[in-house]
Amino acid sequence: MRFIFWRVLGKRIKAIPSFMKDKSVPIRKKLVIAFGLLYLLSPIDLIPTPILLFGIIDDLVIWLFIIHYFKEELDKYWIGEQHVKPEKEFAGKKIINDVDFEVKEDPVDKKEQ
């Protein structure tokens, strides 16, 4: 179960650049992620960094909160799992819809066996 959590968390983190590049995402959501990055890189923390591992905990808590808050939006941007739009993939090609067909065996193939 823990392995699945880390895989999903990793995919959500990888989805952040695509999320930030999307023009349909409101600026306030992008600002939350930008402030999270600034806090992560900032030398000023709620818990000072020299105190062993506790200095890292506040950064992790803030980022886990941000990723949890945007989990539904980030799930739409998973790289490699986006659905391809048919109009882009098949642009300029002739597509025939609603065709019924049936495959019949060739009697010549039956006799050879």
N, C-alpha and C. Protein backbone atom coordinates (compact mmCIF):
# COMPACT_ATOMS: atom_id res chain seq x y z
N MET A 1 0.82 -1.19 0.00
CA MET A 1 0.00 0.00 0.00
C MET A 1 0.87 1.26 0.00
N ARG A 2 1.97 1.21 0.72
CA ARG A 2 2.86 2.39 0.76
C ARG A 2 3.48 2.65 -0.60
N PHE A 3 3.77 1.58 -1.34
CA PHE A 3 4.38 1.73 -2.66
C PHE A 3 3.46 2.51 -3.59
N ILE A 4 2.17 2.23 -3.54
CA ILE A 4 1.20 2.93 -4.38
C ILE A 4 1.16 4.41 -4.02
N PHE A 5 1.21 4.72 -2.73
CA PHE A 5 1.20 6.11 -2.28
C PHE A 5 2.39 6.87 -2.87
N TRP A 6 3.57 6.28 -2.84
CA TRP A 6 4.76 6.96 -3.35
C TRP A 6 4.70 7.12 -4.86
N ARG A 7 4.13 6.12 -5.57
CA ARG A 7 4.00 6.24 -7.03
C ARG A 7 3.04 7.37 -7.40
N VAL A 8 1.91 7.43 -6.71
CA VAL A 8 0.92 8.48 -6.99
C VAL A 8 1.51 9.85 -6.64
N LEU A 9 2.19 9.93 -5.51
CA LEU A 9 2.82 11.19 -5.11
C LEU A 9 3.84 11.64 -6.15
N GLY A 10 4.64 10.70 -6.64
CA GLY A 10 5.63 11.03 -7.67
C GLY A 10 4.98 11.51 -8.95
N LYS A 11 3.89 10.87 -9.36
CA LYS A 11 3.20 11.30 -10.58
C LYS A 11 2.59 12.67 -10.42
N ARG A 12 2.08 12.96 -9.23
CA ARG A 12 1.50 14.29 -9.00
C ARG A 12 2.58 15.36 -9.01
N ILE A 13 3.74 15.04 -8.47
CA ILE A 13 4.84 16.01 -8.49
C ILE A 13 5.29 16.26 -9.93
N LYS A 14 5.36 15.20 -10.74
CA LYS A 14 5.75 15.35 -12.15
C LYS A 14 4.69 16.11 -12.95
N ALA A 15 3.46 16.14 -12.47
CA ALA A 15 2.39 16.84 -13.17
C ALA A 15 2.39 18.34 -12.90
N ILE A 16 3.14 18.79 -11.92
CA ILE A 16 3.13 20.22 -11.55
C ILE A 16 3.58 21.12 -12.71
N PRO A 17 4.66 20.80 -13.46
CA PRO A 17 5.03 21.70 -14.58
C PRO A 17 3.93 21.83 -15.63
N SER A 18 3.27 20.74 -15.97
CA SER A 18 2.17 20.81 -16.94
C SER A 18 1.02 21.63 -16.39
N PHE A 19 0.76 21.48 -15.10
CA PHE A 19 -0.29 22.24 -14.43
C PHE A 19 0.01 23.74 -14.48
N MET A 20 1.28 24.08 -14.26
CA MET A 20 1.66 25.50 -14.25
C MET A 20 1.64 26.11 -15.65
N LYS A 21 1.88 25.30 -16.69
CA LYS A 21 1.89 25.80 -18.07
C LYS A 21 0.49 25.97 -18.65
N ASP A 22 -0.49 25.31 -18.07
CA ASP A 22 -1.85 25.36 -18.61
C ASP A 22 -2.46 26.74 -18.37
N LYS A 23 -2.94 27.35 -19.45
CA LYS A 23 -3.50 28.70 -19.36
C LYS A 23 -4.91 28.71 -18.78
N SER A 24 -5.55 27.56 -18.71
CA SER A 24 -6.91 27.51 -18.16
C SER A 24 -6.92 27.42 -16.64
N VAL A 25 -5.76 27.20 -16.02
CA VAL A 25 -5.68 27.12 -14.56
C VAL A 25 -5.67 28.54 -14.01
N PRO A 26 -6.51 28.82 -13.01
CA PRO A 26 -6.54 30.17 -12.42
C PRO A 26 -5.19 30.56 -11.81
N ILE A 27 -4.90 31.84 -11.86
CA ILE A 27 -3.62 32.35 -11.36
C ILE A 27 -3.47 32.10 -9.86
N ARG A 28 -4.55 32.16 -9.10
CA ARG A 28 -4.44 31.95 -7.66
C ARG A 28 -3.93 30.56 -7.33
N LYS A 29 -4.29 29.55 -8.13
CA LYS A 29 -3.80 28.19 -7.90
C LYS A 29 -2.31 28.10 -8.24
N LYS A 30 -1.92 28.80 -9.29
CA LYS A 30 -0.51 28.81 -9.65
C LYS A 30 0.31 29.54 -8.59
N LEU A 31 -0.26 30.59 -8.00
CA LEU A 31 0.44 31.33 -6.95
C LEU A 31 0.67 30.47 -5.71
N VAL A 32 -0.29 29.63 -5.36
CA VAL A 32 -0.12 28.73 -4.21
C VAL A 32 1.09 27.83 -4.42
N ILE A 33 1.20 27.26 -5.61
CA ILE A 33 2.35 26.40 -5.90
C ILE A 33 3.64 27.21 -5.95
N ALA A 34 3.60 28.40 -6.50
CA ALA A 34 4.79 29.25 -6.56
C ALA A 34 5.26 29.63 -5.16
N PHE A 35 4.32 29.98 -4.28
CA PHE A 35 4.70 30.31 -2.90
C PHE A 35 5.22 29.08 -2.17
N GLY A 36 4.69 27.92 -2.49
CA GLY A 36 5.21 26.68 -1.90
C GLY A 36 6.65 26.43 -2.32
N LEU A 37 6.96 26.70 -3.60
CA LEU A 37 8.35 26.56 -4.07
C LEU A 37 9.27 27.59 -3.41
N LEU A 38 8.77 28.81 -3.29
CA LEU A 38 9.58 29.84 -2.62
C LEU A 38 9.86 29.47 -1.18
N TYR A 39 8.85 28.95 -0.49
CA TYR A 39 9.04 28.54 0.91
C TYR A 39 10.03 27.39 1.00
N LEU A 40 9.95 26.45 0.06
CA LEU A 40 10.85 25.31 0.06
C LEU A 40 12.31 25.76 -0.13
N LEU A 41 12.52 26.72 -1.01
CA LEU A 41 13.87 27.19 -1.30
C LEU A 41 14.35 28.28 -0.36
N SER A 42 13.44 28.87 0.40
CA SER A 42 13.77 29.97 1.28
C SER A 42 14.57 29.47 2.51
N PRO A 43 15.56 30.26 2.93
CA PRO A 43 16.30 29.87 4.14
C PRO A 43 15.50 30.11 5.43
N ILE A 44 14.41 30.85 5.33
CA ILE A 44 13.59 31.14 6.50
C ILE A 44 12.52 30.04 6.62
N ASP A 45 12.49 29.36 7.74
CA ASP A 45 11.53 28.28 7.99
C ASP A 45 10.85 28.49 9.33
N LEU A 46 9.70 27.84 9.52
CA LEU A 46 9.03 27.88 10.81
C LEU A 46 9.85 27.13 11.86
N ILE A 47 10.42 26.02 11.44
CA ILE A 47 11.33 25.25 12.31
C ILE A 47 12.72 25.39 11.70
N PRO A 48 13.68 25.88 12.46
CA PRO A 48 15.02 26.10 11.90
C PRO A 48 15.64 24.80 11.37
N THR A 49 16.33 24.90 10.25
CA THR A 49 16.93 23.74 9.60
C THR A 49 18.02 23.06 10.43
N PRO A 50 18.85 23.79 11.20
CA PRO A 50 19.91 23.10 11.95
C PRO A 50 19.42 22.10 13.00
N ILE A 51 18.15 22.15 13.35
CA ILE A 51 17.64 21.21 14.36
C ILE A 51 17.38 19.86 13.69
N LEU A 52 18.43 19.10 13.51
CA LEU A 52 18.40 17.76 12.91
C LEU A 52 17.42 17.65 11.75
N LEU A 53 16.52 16.70 11.81
CA LEU A 53 15.57 16.47 10.71
C LEU A 53 14.31 17.30 10.84
N PHE A 54 14.12 17.95 11.97
CA PHE A 54 12.88 18.70 12.18
C PHE A 54 12.78 19.92 11.26
N GLY A 55 13.89 20.41 10.79
CA GLY A 55 13.86 21.55 9.87
C GLY A 55 13.27 21.20 8.51
N ILE A 56 13.33 19.94 8.16
CA ILE A 56 12.79 19.49 6.87
C ILE A 56 11.29 19.20 6.98
N ILE A 57 10.84 18.90 8.17
CA ILE A 57 9.44 18.48 8.36
C ILE A 57 8.46 19.57 7.94
N ASP A 58 8.72 20.83 8.29
CA ASP A 58 7.77 21.88 7.92
C ASP A 58 7.67 22.03 6.40
N ASP A 59 8.79 21.86 5.68
CA ASP A 59 8.73 21.90 4.22
C ASP A 59 7.89 20.75 3.68
N LEU A 60 8.10 19.56 4.22
CA LEU A 60 7.34 18.39 3.77
C LEU A 60 5.85 18.54 4.06
N VAL A 61 5.52 19.04 5.22
CA VAL A 61 4.10 19.21 5.59
C VAL A 61 3.43 20.19 4.64
N ILE A 62 4.08 21.29 4.35
CA ILE A 62 3.49 22.28 3.45
C ILE A 62 3.30 21.69 2.06
N TRP A 63 4.32 20.95 1.54
CA TRP A 63 4.19 20.39 0.21
C TRP A 63 3.18 19.26 0.15
N LEU A 64 3.08 18.45 1.19
CA LEU A 64 2.05 17.41 1.22
C LEU A 64 0.65 18.03 1.25
N PHE A 65 0.51 19.15 1.96
CA PHE A 65 -0.77 19.85 1.97
C PHE A 65 -1.10 20.39 0.58
N ILE A 66 -0.12 21.02 -0.08
CA ILE A 66 -0.36 21.58 -1.41
C ILE A 66 -0.74 20.49 -2.40
N ILE A 67 -0.01 19.38 -2.38
CA ILE A 67 -0.30 18.28 -3.31
C ILE A 67 -1.65 17.65 -2.99
N HIS A 68 -1.98 17.53 -1.71
CA HIS A 68 -3.30 16.99 -1.35
C HIS A 68 -4.42 17.96 -1.77
N TYR A 69 -4.19 19.25 -1.61
CA TYR A 69 -5.19 20.26 -1.95
C TYR A 69 -5.49 20.26 -3.45
N PHE A 70 -4.46 20.05 -4.27
CA PHE A 70 -4.62 20.06 -5.73
C PHE A 70 -4.66 18.67 -6.34
N LYS A 71 -4.93 17.65 -5.54
CA LYS A 71 -4.81 16.27 -6.04
C LYS A 71 -5.70 16.00 -7.25
N GLU A 72 -6.92 16.49 -7.26
CA GLU A 72 -7.81 16.22 -8.39
C GLU A 72 -7.34 16.94 -9.66
N GLU A 73 -6.86 18.16 -9.50
CA GLU A 73 -6.37 18.89 -10.66
C GLU A 73 -5.08 18.28 -11.20
N LEU A 74 -4.18 17.88 -10.31
CA LEU A 74 -2.91 17.30 -10.73
C LEU A 74 -3.11 15.94 -11.38
N ASP A 75 -4.12 15.21 -10.96
CA ASP A 75 -4.39 13.89 -11.56
C ASP A 75 -4.75 14.02 -13.03
N LYS A 76 -5.26 15.15 -13.45
CA LYS A 76 -5.60 15.37 -14.86
C LYS A 76 -4.36 15.57 -15.72
N TYR A 77 -3.22 15.90 -15.09
CA TYR A 77 -2.02 16.25 -15.83
C TYR A 77 -0.93 15.19 -15.76
N TRP A 78 -1.26 14.00 -15.33
CA TRP A 78 -0.25 12.94 -15.26
C TRP A 78 0.35 12.72 -16.62
N ILE A 79 1.64 12.80 -16.70
CA ILE A 79 2.34 12.62 -17.97
C ILE A 79 2.29 11.15 -18.35
N GLY A 80 1.95 10.90 -19.60
CA GLY A 80 1.87 9.53 -20.09
C GLY A 80 0.50 8.93 -19.96
N GLU A 81 -0.39 9.57 -19.24
CA GLU A 81 -1.73 9.03 -19.09
C GLU A 81 -2.79 10.00 -19.59
N GLN A 82 -2.36 10.99 -20.35
CA GLN A 82 -3.32 11.91 -20.92
C GLN A 82 -3.95 11.26 -22.15
N HIS A 83 -5.21 11.49 -22.31
CA HIS A 83 -5.90 10.93 -23.46
C HIS A 83 -5.60 11.78 -24.70
N VAL A 84 -5.31 11.12 -25.79
CA VAL A 84 -5.02 11.82 -27.04
C VAL A 84 -6.34 12.19 -27.68
N LYS A 85 -6.43 13.42 -28.13
CA LYS A 85 -7.64 13.86 -28.80
C LYS A 85 -7.62 13.34 -30.23
N PRO A 86 -8.66 12.65 -30.66
CA PRO A 86 -8.67 12.08 -32.01
C PRO A 86 -8.51 13.12 -33.11
N GLU A 87 -9.03 14.31 -32.91
CA GLU A 87 -8.94 15.32 -33.98
C GLU A 87 -7.49 15.75 -34.21
N LYS A 88 -6.64 15.62 -33.20
CA LYS A 88 -5.22 15.95 -33.39
C LYS A 88 -4.46 14.77 -33.99
N GLU A 89 -4.74 13.56 -33.53
CA GLU A 89 -4.00 12.40 -34.00
C GLU A 89 -4.37 12.02 -35.43
N PHE A 90 -5.64 12.19 -35.79
CA PHE A 90 -6.11 11.77 -37.10
C PHE A 90 -6.41 12.97 -38.01
N ALA A 91 -5.77 14.09 -37.78
CA ALA A 91 -6.01 15.29 -38.60
C ALA A 91 -5.60 15.02 -40.04
N GLY A 92 -6.48 15.35 -40.97
CA GLY A 92 -6.19 15.19 -42.39
C GLY A 92 -6.41 13.79 -42.92
N LYS A 93 -6.85 12.87 -42.09
CA LYS A 93 -7.09 11.49 -42.53
C LYS A 93 -8.58 11.26 -42.65
N LYS A 94 -8.96 10.41 -43.59
CA LYS A 94 -10.37 10.09 -43.77
C LYS A 94 -10.78 9.00 -42.78
N ILE A 95 -11.82 9.29 -42.04
CA ILE A 95 -12.31 8.34 -41.04
C ILE A 95 -13.75 7.99 -41.39
N ILE A 96 -14.04 6.71 -41.41
CA ILE A 96 -15.40 6.24 -41.71
C ILE A 96 -16.00 5.71 -40.41
N ASN A 97 -17.11 6.30 -40.01
CA ASN A 97 -17.78 5.89 -38.78
C ASN A 97 -18.94 4.95 -39.07
N ASP A 98 -19.33 4.19 -38.07
CA ASP A 98 -20.51 3.33 -38.11
C ASP A 98 -20.50 2.33 -39.27
N VAL A 99 -19.42 1.62 -39.42
CA VAL A 99 -19.32 0.61 -40.47
C VAL A 99 -19.41 -0.77 -39.82
N ASP A 100 -20.32 -1.59 -40.32
CA ASP A 100 -20.43 -2.96 -39.84
C ASP A 100 -19.70 -3.87 -40.81
N PHE A 101 -18.93 -4.79 -40.29
CA PHE A 101 -18.23 -5.72 -41.17
C PHE A 101 -18.16 -7.08 -40.50
N GLU A 102 -17.89 -8.07 -41.33
CA GLU A 102 -17.80 -9.44 -40.85
C GLU A 102 -16.62 -10.10 -41.54
N VAL A 103 -15.85 -10.87 -40.81
CA VAL A 103 -14.70 -11.57 -41.38
C VAL A 103 -15.11 -13.01 -41.63
N LYS A 104 -14.98 -13.44 -42.87
CA LYS A 104 -15.33 -14.81 -43.24
C LYS A 104 -14.06 -15.55 -43.62
N GLU A 105 -14.07 -16.83 -43.36
CA GLU A 105 -12.92 -17.65 -43.74
C GLU A 105 -12.93 -17.89 -45.24
N ASP A 106 -11.77 -17.91 -45.81
CA ASP A 106 -11.62 -18.18 -47.24
C ASP A 106 -11.65 -19.70 -47.44
N PRO A 107 -12.53 -20.21 -48.31
CA PRO A 107 -12.61 -21.66 -48.52
C PRO A 107 -11.31 -22.25 -49.04
N VAL A 108 -10.49 -21.47 -49.72
CA VAL A 108 -9.23 -21.96 -50.24
C VAL A 108 -8.28 -22.28 -49.07
N ASP A 109 -8.27 -21.43 -48.05
CA ASP A 109 -7.42 -21.66 -46.89
C ASP A 109 -7.82 -22.91 -46.14
N LYS A 110 -9.11 -23.22 -46.09
CA LYS A 110 -9.60 -24.39 -45.38
C LYS A 110 -9.12 -25.69 -46.05
N LYS A 111 -9.11 -25.70 -47.37
CA LYS A 111 -8.74 -26.90 -48.14
C LYS A 111 -7.24 -27.19 -48.00
N GLU A 112 -6.42 -26.14 -47.86
CA GLU A 112 -4.98 -26.33 -47.77
C GLU A 112 -4.57 -26.95 -46.45
N GLN A 113 -5.36 -26.78 -45.42
CA GLN A 113 -5.00 -27.28 -44.10
C GLN A 113 -5.34 -28.69 -43.97
